[in-house]
Each structure stands twice: as structure tokens, then as C-alpha cells.
Amino acid sequence: MAAQLILASASPRRVELLTQTGLSFRVSPSPLPEPTRKPAGLPVEVWPAALAFYKARAVQQALGETA
């Protein structure tokens, strides 16, 4: 099965930017609520990547796909 690009965001701006690349993708926002703050003990430089992983994993599970 070929890899499929999934935008795990409902942001219209992100859709606009990704559309400009010419890539084929589908939009499937994360079903989980957006965290209101960074977890204690997590370094601030790690937080963006951790949040992206959190959202991507939630979408993967919601779609019933495996890694």
C-alpha cells in the first residue's frame, strides 16, 4: 500500500500552505483536545515535536491504521 499524506490539523492556513506544494493529501484533524500547556518536566525545545507526535498518533488510531 502506498503511503498517504494526512494533515492532522483543521487549520485553514495549513491546508492553504500544503495545497500550494502541489502534494496530494487529505485532512483528518486530531480527535483529541488541544493541550492547554506543556507538561511539567518536558523541555520546552521538545514540546513542539511531542505535540505533533501526540496529534499524529491520535489520528492514526482514529483511522485504524498501523505504523
Protein backbone atom coordinates (compact mmCIF):
# COMPACT_ATOMS: atom_id res chain seq x y z
CA MET A 1 0.00 0.00 0.00
CA ALA A 2 1.35 3.41 -0.94
CA ALA A 3 1.96 5.98 1.77
CA GLN A 4 -0.65 8.70 2.06
CA LEU A 5 -0.04 12.20 3.38
CA ILE A 6 -2.50 13.19 6.09
CA LEU A 7 -2.74 16.69 7.53
CA ALA A 8 -3.75 16.17 11.17
CA SER A 9 -4.93 19.75 11.53
CA ALA A 10 -8.11 21.73 10.92
CA SER A 11 -6.10 24.91 10.29
CA PRO A 12 -7.22 26.58 7.04
CA ARG A 13 -3.78 28.20 6.77
CA ARG A 14 -2.02 24.84 6.94
CA VAL A 15 -4.36 23.48 4.26
CA GLU A 16 -3.59 26.52 2.11
CA LEU A 17 0.17 26.11 2.52
CA LEU A 18 0.13 22.38 1.85
CA THR A 19 -2.09 22.86 -1.20
CA GLN A 20 0.49 25.27 -2.60
CA THR A 21 3.07 22.47 -2.60
CA GLY A 22 1.05 20.51 -5.13
CA LEU A 23 1.16 17.39 -2.97
CA SER A 24 -1.86 15.13 -2.67
CA PHE A 25 -3.14 14.94 0.90
CA ARG A 26 -6.24 14.54 3.00
CA VAL A 27 -7.31 16.44 6.07
CA SER A 28 -8.08 14.48 9.23
CA PRO A 29 -7.91 16.66 12.36
CA SER A 30 -6.87 15.09 15.63
CA PRO A 31 -9.88 13.95 17.69
CA LEU A 32 -8.12 14.85 20.93
CA PRO A 33 -8.40 18.21 22.67
CA GLU A 34 -5.51 20.62 22.29
CA PRO A 35 -3.39 20.64 25.46
CA THR A 36 -3.58 23.95 27.26
CA ARG A 37 0.01 23.86 28.47
CA LYS A 38 3.27 22.00 28.23
CA PRO A 39 3.55 19.05 30.62
CA ALA A 40 5.79 19.72 33.62
CA GLY A 41 9.24 18.27 33.21
CA LEU A 42 9.14 18.26 29.41
CA PRO A 43 11.85 20.52 27.97
CA VAL A 44 10.41 23.45 26.03
CA GLU A 45 12.50 22.58 22.95
CA VAL A 46 10.91 19.10 22.85
CA TRP A 47 7.29 20.27 23.26
CA PRO A 48 6.50 21.06 19.56
CA ALA A 49 7.69 17.65 18.37
CA ALA A 50 5.93 15.88 21.25
CA LEU A 51 2.67 17.67 20.46
CA ALA A 52 2.97 16.79 16.75
CA PHE A 53 3.54 13.14 17.65
CA TYR A 54 0.58 13.19 20.08
CA LYS A 55 -1.73 14.51 17.37
CA ALA A 56 -0.41 12.23 14.62
CA ARG A 57 -0.74 9.16 16.81
CA ALA A 58 -4.34 10.07 17.71
CA VAL A 59 -5.26 10.45 14.03
CA GLN A 60 -3.53 7.18 13.18
CA GLN A 61 -5.54 5.38 15.85
CA ALA A 62 -8.80 7.09 14.84
CA LEU A 63 -8.28 5.95 11.24
CA GLY A 64 -7.46 2.43 12.40
CA GLU A 65 -4.08 2.45 10.69
CA THR A 66 -0.90 0.82 11.91
CA ALA A 67 2.61 2.19 11.96
